[in-house]
């Protein structure tokens, strides 16, 4: 399938949608937090990497199992 954010051979993709910019900024912030935590708390560092991946997934359209479960529990009130 074609790239979702432009052709990588044509240069850097432009982030024309504000939500893309927001998610990219949140991803960068999570990666920065990972860099600070990786030597102190491996569990917390792993969480920051997971959040960074999640923000990238929101840009590229990749949806993980956690995203689906979040929607189910939020929208369908499972367990109430």
Protein backbone atom coordinates (compact mmCIF):
# COMPACT_ATOMS: atom_id res chain seq x y z
CA UNK A 1 0.00 0.00 0.00
CA UNK A 2 1.20 3.59 -0.58
CA UNK A 3 2.73 5.57 2.30
CA UNK A 4 0.17 7.40 4.41
CA UNK A 5 2.22 10.58 4.94
CA UNK A 6 3.66 11.13 1.49
CA UNK A 7 6.23 9.47 -0.70
CA UNK A 8 9.47 8.93 1.27
CA UNK A 9 11.44 9.13 -1.99
CA UNK A 10 10.07 12.60 -2.69
CA UNK A 11 11.46 14.10 0.52
CA UNK A 12 10.06 14.78 3.94
CA UNK A 13 6.28 14.49 4.25
CA UNK A 14 4.38 17.60 5.20
CA UNK A 15 2.23 17.44 8.28
CA UNK A 16 -0.72 19.39 7.00
CA UNK A 17 -3.19 18.27 9.62
CA UNK A 18 -2.89 19.82 13.04
CA UNK A 19 -3.62 16.49 14.73
CA UNK A 20 -0.56 15.01 13.00
CA UNK A 21 1.57 17.80 14.41
CA UNK A 22 0.10 17.29 17.87
CA UNK A 23 0.71 13.54 17.82
CA UNK A 24 4.23 14.02 16.51
CA UNK A 25 4.94 16.50 19.29
CA UNK A 26 3.51 14.09 21.88
CA UNK A 27 5.63 11.29 20.41
CA UNK A 28 8.78 13.42 20.66
CA UNK A 29 7.92 14.34 24.26
CA UNK A 30 7.42 10.67 25.17
CA UNK A 31 10.75 9.77 23.57
CA UNK A 32 12.45 12.52 25.56
CA UNK A 33 10.93 11.15 28.77
CA UNK A 34 12.11 7.67 27.75
CA UNK A 35 15.64 9.04 27.39
CA UNK A 36 15.54 10.43 30.92
CA UNK A 37 13.98 7.32 32.52
CA UNK A 38 15.73 4.46 30.74
CA UNK A 39 18.59 4.24 33.24
CA UNK A 40 16.45 4.77 36.34
CA UNK A 41 13.26 2.78 35.87
CA UNK A 42 13.01 0.27 33.04
CA UNK A 43 9.26 -0.22 33.50
CA UNK A 44 8.55 3.49 33.27
CA UNK A 45 10.89 3.81 30.29
CA UNK A 46 8.96 1.04 28.52
CA UNK A 47 5.72 2.91 29.16
CA UNK A 48 7.12 6.06 27.52
CA UNK A 49 8.14 4.01 24.46
CA UNK A 50 4.65 2.48 24.31
CA UNK A 51 3.10 5.95 24.38
CA UNK A 52 5.46 7.18 21.65
CA UNK A 53 4.49 4.21 19.45
CA UNK A 54 0.82 4.88 20.13
CA UNK A 55 1.11 8.51 18.99
CA UNK A 56 2.87 7.44 15.79
CA UNK A 57 0.15 4.86 15.22
CA UNK A 58 -2.46 7.60 15.41
CA UNK A 59 -0.69 9.33 12.51
CA UNK A 60 -0.09 6.26 10.37
CA UNK A 61 -3.43 4.59 11.05
CA UNK A 62 -2.08 1.59 12.93
CA UNK A 63 -4.42 0.61 15.72
CA UNK A 64 -3.29 -1.71 18.49
CA UNK A 65 -5.25 -4.04 20.74
CA UNK A 66 -5.02 -1.52 23.59
CA UNK A 67 -6.73 1.11 21.44
CA UNK A 68 -9.61 -1.27 20.68
CA UNK A 69 -9.98 -2.20 24.36
CA UNK A 70 -9.95 1.48 25.36
CA UNK A 71 -12.82 2.15 22.95
CA UNK A 72 -14.81 -0.86 24.14
CA UNK A 73 -14.50 0.07 27.80
CA UNK A 74 -15.06 3.78 27.20
CA UNK A 75 -17.98 3.58 24.75
CA UNK A 76 -19.77 0.38 25.73
CA UNK A 77 -19.28 0.44 29.51
CA UNK A 78 -18.27 -3.22 29.66
CA UNK A 79 -18.31 -4.53 33.21
CA UNK A 80 -20.93 -2.13 34.59
